Amino acid sequence: MPMPVETSPLMSGPGSLSQVPGASLPVVATPVANLPPGTLGRTYVRPSAPVPADKHPRSGLIDVRAAGATSVSVQWTHPYRLTDELEGFVDAKDKDVFHFEEKQMLPGVPYIVRIEARYGTEDEPRYQERYARLIMGRIVSIDFDDAR
């Protein structure tokens, strides 16, 4: 004996909107979010790598590629941070790659950072910024050469 299937009265059946000529279901517009440049909204669909085995399992790393940048800084956007910036270093093999690390991330705290790359000279500085979310136990990569 087949089991009865419940359907919504709006979907089909006698007296539903689909049976009324000229009637249609209401259309709900979804809000469009204007995200800042970077990887917010795409963090978990982008490729990432696991942290090395010698790092703490809750650490979060970020690799920033900024070709021609004189310096790169990574600042916290969360109001309850312990420090203002992440400590980092320039890659020994590739001078365009900067590595930053958060030693131990806490579950439930949003680790969103603002990455600022500085180009040019002291007389004519030029800045670019991106925003990214750190992932616990993963290395997130940001490339300033990308359009977004």
N, C-alpha and C. Protein backbone atom coordinates (compact mmCIF):
# COMPACT_ATOMS: atom_id res chain seq x y z
N MET A 1 0.85 -1.18 0.00
CA MET A 1 0.00 0.00 0.00
C MET A 1 0.89 1.23 0.00
N PRO A 2 0.75 2.13 -1.00
CA PRO A 2 1.61 3.31 -1.06
C PRO A 2 1.28 4.29 0.05
N MET A 3 2.33 4.96 0.53
CA MET A 3 2.17 5.96 1.59
C MET A 3 1.68 7.27 0.96
N PRO A 4 0.75 7.96 1.64
CA PRO A 4 0.29 9.25 1.11
C PRO A 4 1.41 10.29 1.24
N VAL A 5 1.50 11.16 0.26
CA VAL A 5 2.50 12.21 0.25
C VAL A 5 1.81 13.54 0.48
N GLU A 6 2.29 14.28 1.48
CA GLU A 6 1.71 15.59 1.76
C GLU A 6 2.28 16.61 0.79
N THR A 7 1.43 17.44 0.25
CA THR A 7 1.87 18.52 -0.62
C THR A 7 1.35 19.83 -0.07
N SER A 8 2.06 20.89 -0.39
CA SER A 8 1.64 22.21 0.03
C SER A 8 0.43 22.62 -0.77
N PRO A 9 -0.53 23.33 -0.17
CA PRO A 9 -1.70 23.75 -0.93
C PRO A 9 -1.33 24.74 -2.03
N LEU A 10 -0.17 25.38 -1.95
CA LEU A 10 0.23 26.31 -3.00
C LEU A 10 0.81 25.59 -4.21
N MET A 11 1.20 24.33 -4.05
CA MET A 11 1.88 23.63 -5.13
C MET A 11 0.90 23.13 -6.19
N SER A 12 -0.01 22.28 -5.82
CA SER A 12 -0.95 21.74 -6.80
C SER A 12 -2.18 21.22 -6.08
N GLY A 13 -3.18 20.91 -6.87
CA GLY A 13 -4.39 20.36 -6.30
C GLY A 13 -5.56 21.31 -6.46
N PRO A 14 -6.76 20.83 -6.18
CA PRO A 14 -7.94 21.68 -6.34
C PRO A 14 -7.89 22.88 -5.41
N GLY A 15 -8.19 24.02 -5.93
CA GLY A 15 -8.21 25.24 -5.13
C GLY A 15 -6.86 25.88 -4.96
N SER A 16 -5.82 25.35 -5.56
CA SER A 16 -4.50 25.94 -5.40
C SER A 16 -4.30 27.06 -6.42
N LEU A 17 -3.25 27.86 -6.21
CA LEU A 17 -2.97 28.96 -7.14
C LEU A 17 -2.64 28.47 -8.54
N SER A 18 -2.09 27.24 -8.63
CA SER A 18 -1.75 26.73 -9.95
C SER A 18 -3.00 26.41 -10.77
N GLN A 19 -4.15 26.28 -10.11
CA GLN A 19 -5.39 25.98 -10.81
C GLN A 19 -6.16 27.25 -11.19
N VAL A 20 -5.76 28.41 -10.65
CA VAL A 20 -6.46 29.65 -10.93
C VAL A 20 -5.83 30.30 -12.15
N PRO A 21 -6.62 30.59 -13.20
CA PRO A 21 -6.04 31.20 -14.40
C PRO A 21 -5.48 32.59 -14.09
N GLY A 22 -4.26 32.85 -14.57
CA GLY A 22 -3.64 34.16 -14.39
C GLY A 22 -2.96 34.35 -13.05
N ALA A 23 -3.09 33.39 -12.14
CA ALA A 23 -2.46 33.52 -10.82
C ALA A 23 -1.08 32.86 -10.86
N SER A 24 -0.17 33.43 -10.13
CA SER A 24 1.17 32.84 -10.03
C SER A 24 1.67 32.99 -8.61
N LEU A 25 2.68 32.22 -8.29
CA LEU A 25 3.26 32.29 -6.96
C LEU A 25 4.02 33.59 -6.81
N PRO A 26 4.05 34.15 -5.61
CA PRO A 26 4.79 35.40 -5.42
C PRO A 26 6.29 35.17 -5.61
N VAL A 27 6.96 36.15 -6.17
CA VAL A 27 8.39 36.08 -6.38
C VAL A 27 9.07 36.90 -5.29
N VAL A 28 10.01 36.28 -4.61
CA VAL A 28 10.74 36.95 -3.53
C VAL A 28 12.12 37.30 -4.05
N ALA A 29 12.44 38.57 -3.99
CA ALA A 29 13.76 39.00 -4.45
C ALA A 29 14.80 38.71 -3.38
N THR A 30 15.91 38.12 -3.78
CA THR A 30 16.99 37.87 -2.84
C THR A 30 17.91 39.08 -2.82
N PRO A 31 18.35 39.49 -1.64
CA PRO A 31 19.22 40.66 -1.56
C PRO A 31 20.59 40.36 -2.18
N VAL A 32 21.14 41.35 -2.81
CA VAL A 32 22.47 41.22 -3.41
C VAL A 32 23.45 41.92 -2.47
N ALA A 33 24.43 41.18 -2.02
CA ALA A 33 25.42 41.73 -1.09
C ALA A 33 26.61 42.26 -1.88
N ASN A 34 27.02 43.46 -1.57
CA ASN A 34 28.22 44.02 -2.17
C ASN A 34 29.39 43.67 -1.26
N LEU A 35 30.12 42.64 -1.63
CA LEU A 35 31.24 42.19 -0.82
C LEU A 35 32.48 43.00 -1.16
N PRO A 36 33.34 43.23 -0.18
CA PRO A 36 34.59 43.94 -0.46
C PRO A 36 35.49 43.05 -1.31
N PRO A 37 36.51 43.62 -1.94
CA PRO A 37 37.41 42.80 -2.74
C PRO A 37 38.13 41.77 -1.87
N GLY A 38 38.26 40.59 -2.39
CA GLY A 38 38.91 39.52 -1.65
C GLY A 38 38.15 38.22 -1.83
N THR A 39 38.19 37.36 -0.83
CA THR A 39 37.59 36.04 -0.97
C THR A 39 36.36 35.84 -0.10
N LEU A 40 35.86 36.87 0.57
CA LEU A 40 34.67 36.70 1.41
C LEU A 40 33.50 36.24 0.55
N GLY A 41 32.77 35.28 1.05
CA GLY A 41 31.66 34.71 0.31
C GLY A 41 32.08 33.55 -0.57
N ARG A 42 33.37 33.36 -0.77
CA ARG A 42 33.89 32.26 -1.59
C ARG A 42 34.97 31.47 -0.85
N THR A 43 35.13 31.69 0.44
CA THR A 43 36.25 31.12 1.19
C THR A 43 36.28 29.60 1.10
N TYR A 44 35.17 28.96 1.36
CA TYR A 44 35.16 27.50 1.47
C TYR A 44 35.06 26.79 0.14
N VAL A 45 34.86 27.50 -0.96
CA VAL A 45 34.85 26.86 -2.27
C VAL A 45 36.18 27.05 -2.99
N ARG A 46 37.06 27.87 -2.45
CA ARG A 46 38.39 28.06 -3.03
C ARG A 46 39.33 26.96 -2.56
N PRO A 47 40.34 26.64 -3.37
CA PRO A 47 41.30 25.63 -2.91
C PRO A 47 42.10 26.14 -1.71
N SER A 48 42.36 25.26 -0.78
CA SER A 48 43.21 25.57 0.37
C SER A 48 44.01 24.32 0.69
N ALA A 49 45.04 24.48 1.51
CA ALA A 49 45.92 23.36 1.84
C ALA A 49 45.93 23.17 3.35
N PRO A 50 46.19 21.96 3.82
CA PRO A 50 46.29 21.76 5.27
C PRO A 50 47.55 22.41 5.83
N VAL A 51 47.50 22.82 7.10
CA VAL A 51 48.68 23.39 7.74
C VAL A 51 49.72 22.28 7.89
N PRO A 52 51.00 22.64 7.92
CA PRO A 52 52.03 21.62 8.12
C PRO A 52 51.85 20.89 9.46
N ALA A 53 52.39 19.69 9.55
CA ALA A 53 52.20 18.85 10.74
C ALA A 53 52.86 19.45 11.97
N ASP A 54 53.88 20.28 11.81
CA ASP A 54 54.55 20.86 12.97
C ASP A 54 53.81 22.06 13.55
N LYS A 55 52.74 22.51 12.89
CA LYS A 55 51.92 23.63 13.39
C LYS A 55 50.79 23.09 14.26
N HIS A 56 50.25 23.96 15.10
CA HIS A 56 49.10 23.61 15.94
C HIS A 56 47.91 23.32 15.03
N PRO A 57 47.09 22.30 15.33
CA PRO A 57 45.95 21.97 14.45
C PRO A 57 44.90 23.08 14.34
N ARG A 58 44.87 24.02 15.30
CA ARG A 58 43.91 25.12 15.22
C ARG A 58 44.54 26.38 14.66
N SER A 59 45.76 26.29 14.14
CA SER A 59 46.37 27.49 13.57
C SER A 59 45.79 27.75 12.19
N GLY A 60 45.81 29.01 11.78
CA GLY A 60 45.34 29.40 10.47
C GLY A 60 46.43 30.20 9.77
N LEU A 61 46.74 29.83 8.55
CA LEU A 61 47.79 30.51 7.80
C LEU A 61 47.20 31.17 6.56
N ILE A 62 47.85 32.24 6.14
CA ILE A 62 47.43 32.91 4.93
C ILE A 62 48.68 33.27 4.13
N ASP A 63 48.68 32.89 2.86
CA ASP A 63 49.77 33.21 1.94
C ASP A 63 49.26 34.28 0.99
N VAL A 64 50.01 35.38 0.90
CA VAL A 64 49.61 36.51 0.08
C VAL A 64 50.63 36.68 -1.04
N ARG A 65 50.15 36.66 -2.28
CA ARG A 65 51.01 36.94 -3.43
C ARG A 65 50.68 38.35 -3.92
N ALA A 66 51.68 39.22 -3.83
CA ALA A 66 51.52 40.61 -4.27
C ALA A 66 52.79 40.99 -5.04
N ALA A 67 52.75 40.77 -6.35
CA ALA A 67 53.92 41.02 -7.19
C ALA A 67 54.27 42.51 -7.18
N GLY A 68 55.51 42.82 -6.83
CA GLY A 68 55.98 44.20 -6.83
C GLY A 68 55.64 45.00 -5.60
N ALA A 69 55.01 44.39 -4.61
CA ALA A 69 54.64 45.13 -3.39
C ALA A 69 55.88 45.38 -2.54
N THR A 70 55.96 46.57 -1.97
CA THR A 70 57.07 46.87 -1.07
C THR A 70 56.83 46.29 0.31
N SER A 71 55.57 46.19 0.73
CA SER A 71 55.23 45.55 2.00
C SER A 71 53.77 45.12 1.99
N VAL A 72 53.47 44.17 2.85
CA VAL A 72 52.10 43.66 3.00
C VAL A 72 51.81 43.56 4.49
N SER A 73 50.63 44.00 4.90
CA SER A 73 50.22 43.85 6.30
C SER A 73 48.84 43.21 6.34
N VAL A 74 48.60 42.45 7.40
CA VAL A 74 47.32 41.78 7.60
C VAL A 74 46.77 42.24 8.95
N GLN A 75 45.62 42.93 8.91
CA GLN A 75 45.01 43.48 10.13
C GLN A 75 43.70 42.78 10.42
N TRP A 76 43.41 42.67 11.71
CA TRP A 76 42.15 42.07 12.15
C TRP A 76 40.99 43.04 11.94
N THR A 77 39.82 42.49 11.64
CA THR A 77 38.61 43.31 11.57
C THR A 77 37.69 43.03 12.75
N HIS A 78 37.96 41.97 13.53
CA HIS A 78 37.12 41.62 14.67
C HIS A 78 37.43 42.55 15.84
N PRO A 79 36.43 43.09 16.52
CA PRO A 79 36.69 44.05 17.59
C PRO A 79 37.33 43.44 18.84
N TYR A 80 37.20 42.13 19.07
CA TYR A 80 37.74 41.52 20.28
C TYR A 80 39.05 40.79 19.99
N ARG A 81 39.94 41.43 19.31
CA ARG A 81 41.22 40.82 18.97
C ARG A 81 42.25 41.10 20.07
N LEU A 82 43.27 40.27 20.11
CA LEU A 82 44.34 40.47 21.08
C LEU A 82 45.45 41.36 20.52
N THR A 83 45.69 41.26 19.22
CA THR A 83 46.69 42.09 18.56
C THR A 83 46.04 42.74 17.34
N ASP A 84 46.66 43.79 16.82
CA ASP A 84 46.10 44.48 15.67
C ASP A 84 46.48 43.84 14.35
N GLU A 85 47.67 43.24 14.28
CA GLU A 85 48.15 42.67 13.03
C GLU A 85 48.70 41.27 13.24
N LEU A 86 48.66 40.49 12.17
CA LEU A 86 49.30 39.18 12.19
C LEU A 86 50.78 39.35 11.88
N GLU A 87 51.60 38.53 12.51
CA GLU A 87 53.02 38.56 12.21
C GLU A 87 53.26 37.72 10.96
N GLY A 88 54.19 38.18 10.12
CA GLY A 88 54.46 37.45 8.90
C GLY A 88 55.88 37.64 8.43
N PHE A 89 56.20 37.01 7.32
CA PHE A 89 57.53 37.11 6.75
C PHE A 89 57.45 36.92 5.24
N VAL A 90 58.52 37.34 4.55
CA VAL A 90 58.61 37.20 3.10
C VAL A 90 59.21 35.83 2.79
N ASP A 91 58.69 35.16 1.78
CA ASP A 91 59.20 33.86 1.37
C ASP A 91 60.64 33.99 0.90
N ALA A 92 61.49 33.05 1.31
CA ALA A 92 62.91 33.10 0.94
C ALA A 92 63.13 32.83 -0.54
N LYS A 93 62.27 32.02 -1.16
CA LYS A 93 62.44 31.66 -2.57
C LYS A 93 61.73 32.61 -3.53
N ASP A 94 60.62 33.17 -3.09
CA ASP A 94 59.81 34.03 -3.95
C ASP A 94 59.50 35.32 -3.18
N LYS A 95 60.11 36.42 -3.56
CA LYS A 95 59.96 37.70 -2.85
C LYS A 95 58.57 38.32 -3.01
N ASP A 96 57.74 37.76 -3.87
CA ASP A 96 56.38 38.27 -4.06
C ASP A 96 55.36 37.59 -3.14
N VAL A 97 55.79 36.60 -2.36
CA VAL A 97 54.89 35.86 -1.49
C VAL A 97 55.19 36.20 -0.03
N PHE A 98 54.14 36.53 0.70
CA PHE A 98 54.24 36.87 2.12
C PHE A 98 53.42 35.84 2.90
N HIS A 99 53.95 35.33 4.00
CA HIS A 99 53.29 34.32 4.82
C HIS A 99 52.90 34.93 6.17
N PHE A 100 51.66 34.65 6.61
CA PHE A 100 51.18 35.14 7.90
C PHE A 100 50.53 33.97 8.63
N GLU A 101 50.57 34.02 9.99
CA GLU A 101 50.04 32.91 10.77
C GLU A 101 49.33 33.41 12.02
N GLU A 102 48.17 32.82 12.28
CA GLU A 102 47.47 32.97 13.56
C GLU A 102 47.73 31.67 14.31
N LYS A 103 48.37 31.76 15.47
CA LYS A 103 48.86 30.57 16.18
C LYS A 103 47.75 29.60 16.58
N GLN A 104 46.74 30.07 17.30
CA GLN A 104 45.65 29.19 17.73
C GLN A 104 44.33 29.92 17.57
N MET A 105 43.51 29.45 16.65
CA MET A 105 42.21 30.05 16.42
C MET A 105 41.18 29.43 17.38
N LEU A 106 40.23 30.23 17.80
CA LEU A 106 39.18 29.75 18.70
C LEU A 106 37.91 29.46 17.90
N PRO A 107 37.27 28.33 18.14
CA PRO A 107 36.03 28.02 17.42
C PRO A 107 34.95 29.06 17.73
N GLY A 108 34.20 29.44 16.72
CA GLY A 108 33.10 30.39 16.88
C GLY A 108 33.48 31.84 16.71
N VAL A 109 34.76 32.16 16.61
CA VAL A 109 35.19 33.54 16.42
C VAL A 109 35.43 33.77 14.94
N PRO A 110 34.85 34.80 14.34
CA PRO A 110 35.09 35.05 12.91
C PRO A 110 36.49 35.65 12.70
N TYR A 111 37.30 34.96 11.98
CA TYR A 111 38.67 35.41 11.71
C TYR A 111 38.73 36.03 10.32
N ILE A 112 38.21 37.24 10.21
CA ILE A 112 38.23 37.97 8.95
C ILE A 112 39.32 39.03 9.06
N VAL A 113 40.17 39.09 8.04
CA VAL A 113 41.30 40.00 8.06
C VAL A 113 41.25 40.93 6.85
N ARG A 114 41.86 42.07 7.03
CA ARG A 114 42.04 43.04 5.94
C ARG A 114 43.51 42.97 5.54
N ILE A 115 43.76 42.70 4.27
CA ILE A 115 45.13 42.58 3.77
C ILE A 115 45.42 43.82 2.95
N GLU A 116 46.49 44.50 3.29
CA GLU A 116 46.87 45.73 2.60
C GLU A 116 48.25 45.56 1.98
N ALA A 117 48.33 45.75 0.67
CA ALA A 117 49.61 45.71 -0.05
C ALA A 117 49.99 47.13 -0.43
N ARG A 118 51.24 47.48 -0.16
CA ARG A 118 51.74 48.81 -0.48
C ARG A 118 52.71 48.72 -1.65
N TYR A 119 52.52 49.60 -2.60
CA TYR A 119 53.35 49.64 -3.80
C TYR A 119 53.95 51.04 -3.93
N GLY A 120 54.96 51.16 -4.79
CA GLY A 120 55.52 52.48 -5.08
C GLY A 120 56.56 52.91 -4.08
N THR A 121 56.80 54.22 -4.07
CA THR A 121 57.81 54.79 -3.19
C THR A 121 57.15 55.54 -2.04
N GLU A 122 57.97 56.07 -1.13
CA GLU A 122 57.41 56.85 -0.02
C GLU A 122 56.76 58.13 -0.51
N ASP A 123 57.30 58.69 -1.60
CA ASP A 123 56.74 59.93 -2.14
C ASP A 123 55.41 59.70 -2.84
N GLU A 124 55.28 58.57 -3.52
CA GLU A 124 54.05 58.25 -4.25
C GLU A 124 53.58 56.84 -3.90
N PRO A 125 53.06 56.65 -2.70
CA PRO A 125 52.60 55.30 -2.33
C PRO A 125 51.26 54.97 -3.00
N ARG A 126 51.04 53.70 -3.22
CA ARG A 126 49.79 53.20 -3.79
C ARG A 126 49.39 51.98 -2.96
N TYR A 127 48.13 51.88 -2.60
CA TYR A 127 47.66 50.81 -1.73
C TYR A 127 46.57 50.00 -2.43
N GLN A 128 46.54 48.71 -2.14
CA GLN A 128 45.43 47.84 -2.55
C GLN A 128 45.03 47.03 -1.32
N GLU A 129 43.76 46.70 -1.23
CA GLU A 129 43.30 45.91 -0.09
C GLU A 129 42.41 44.78 -0.55
N ARG A 130 42.42 43.72 0.24
CA ARG A 130 41.56 42.56 0.05
C ARG A 130 41.11 42.12 1.43
N TYR A 131 40.00 41.41 1.48
CA TYR A 131 39.50 40.85 2.73
C TYR A 131 39.43 39.33 2.56
N ALA A 132 39.76 38.62 3.63
CA ALA A 132 39.74 37.16 3.58
C ALA A 132 39.35 36.61 4.94
N ARG A 133 38.89 35.37 4.92
CA ARG A 133 38.54 34.66 6.14
C ARG A 133 39.56 33.55 6.34
N LEU A 134 40.16 33.50 7.54
CA LEU A 134 41.08 32.41 7.85
C LEU A 134 40.26 31.17 8.20
N ILE A 135 40.80 30.01 7.85
CA ILE A 135 40.15 28.74 8.14
C ILE A 135 41.04 27.97 9.11
N MET A 136 40.44 27.48 10.18
CA MET A 136 41.19 26.74 11.18
C MET A 136 41.80 25.48 10.54
N GLY A 137 43.13 25.32 10.71
CA GLY A 137 43.81 24.14 10.20
C GLY A 137 44.10 24.16 8.72
N ARG A 138 43.93 25.31 8.05
CA ARG A 138 44.12 25.39 6.59
C ARG A 138 44.99 26.60 6.25
N ILE A 139 45.60 26.53 5.06
CA ILE A 139 46.35 27.66 4.50
C ILE A 139 45.50 28.26 3.40
N VAL A 140 45.13 29.52 3.56
CA VAL A 140 44.33 30.25 2.58
C VAL A 140 45.27 31.09 1.74
N SER A 141 45.06 31.12 0.43
CA SER A 141 45.92 31.89 -0.47
C SER A 141 45.15 33.07 -1.06
N ILE A 142 45.81 34.21 -1.12
CA ILE A 142 45.25 35.42 -1.71
C ILE A 142 46.23 35.91 -2.76
N ASP A 143 45.72 36.26 -3.93
CA ASP A 143 46.58 36.75 -5.01
C ASP A 143 46.09 38.14 -5.41
N PHE A 144 46.94 39.13 -5.26
CA PHE A 144 46.56 40.50 -5.60
C PHE A 144 46.51 40.71 -7.11
N ASP A 145 47.03 39.77 -7.88
CA ASP A 145 46.96 39.89 -9.34
C ASP A 145 45.58 39.52 -9.87
N ASP A 146 44.80 38.78 -9.06
CA ASP A 146 43.44 38.43 -9.47
C ASP A 146 42.59 39.69 -9.54
N ALA A 147 41.57 39.67 -10.38
CA ALA A 147 40.69 40.83 -10.51
C ALA A 147 39.92 41.09 -9.23
N ARG A 148 39.63 40.06 -8.43
CA ARG A 148 38.88 40.20 -7.18
C ARG A 148 39.55 39.55 -6.08
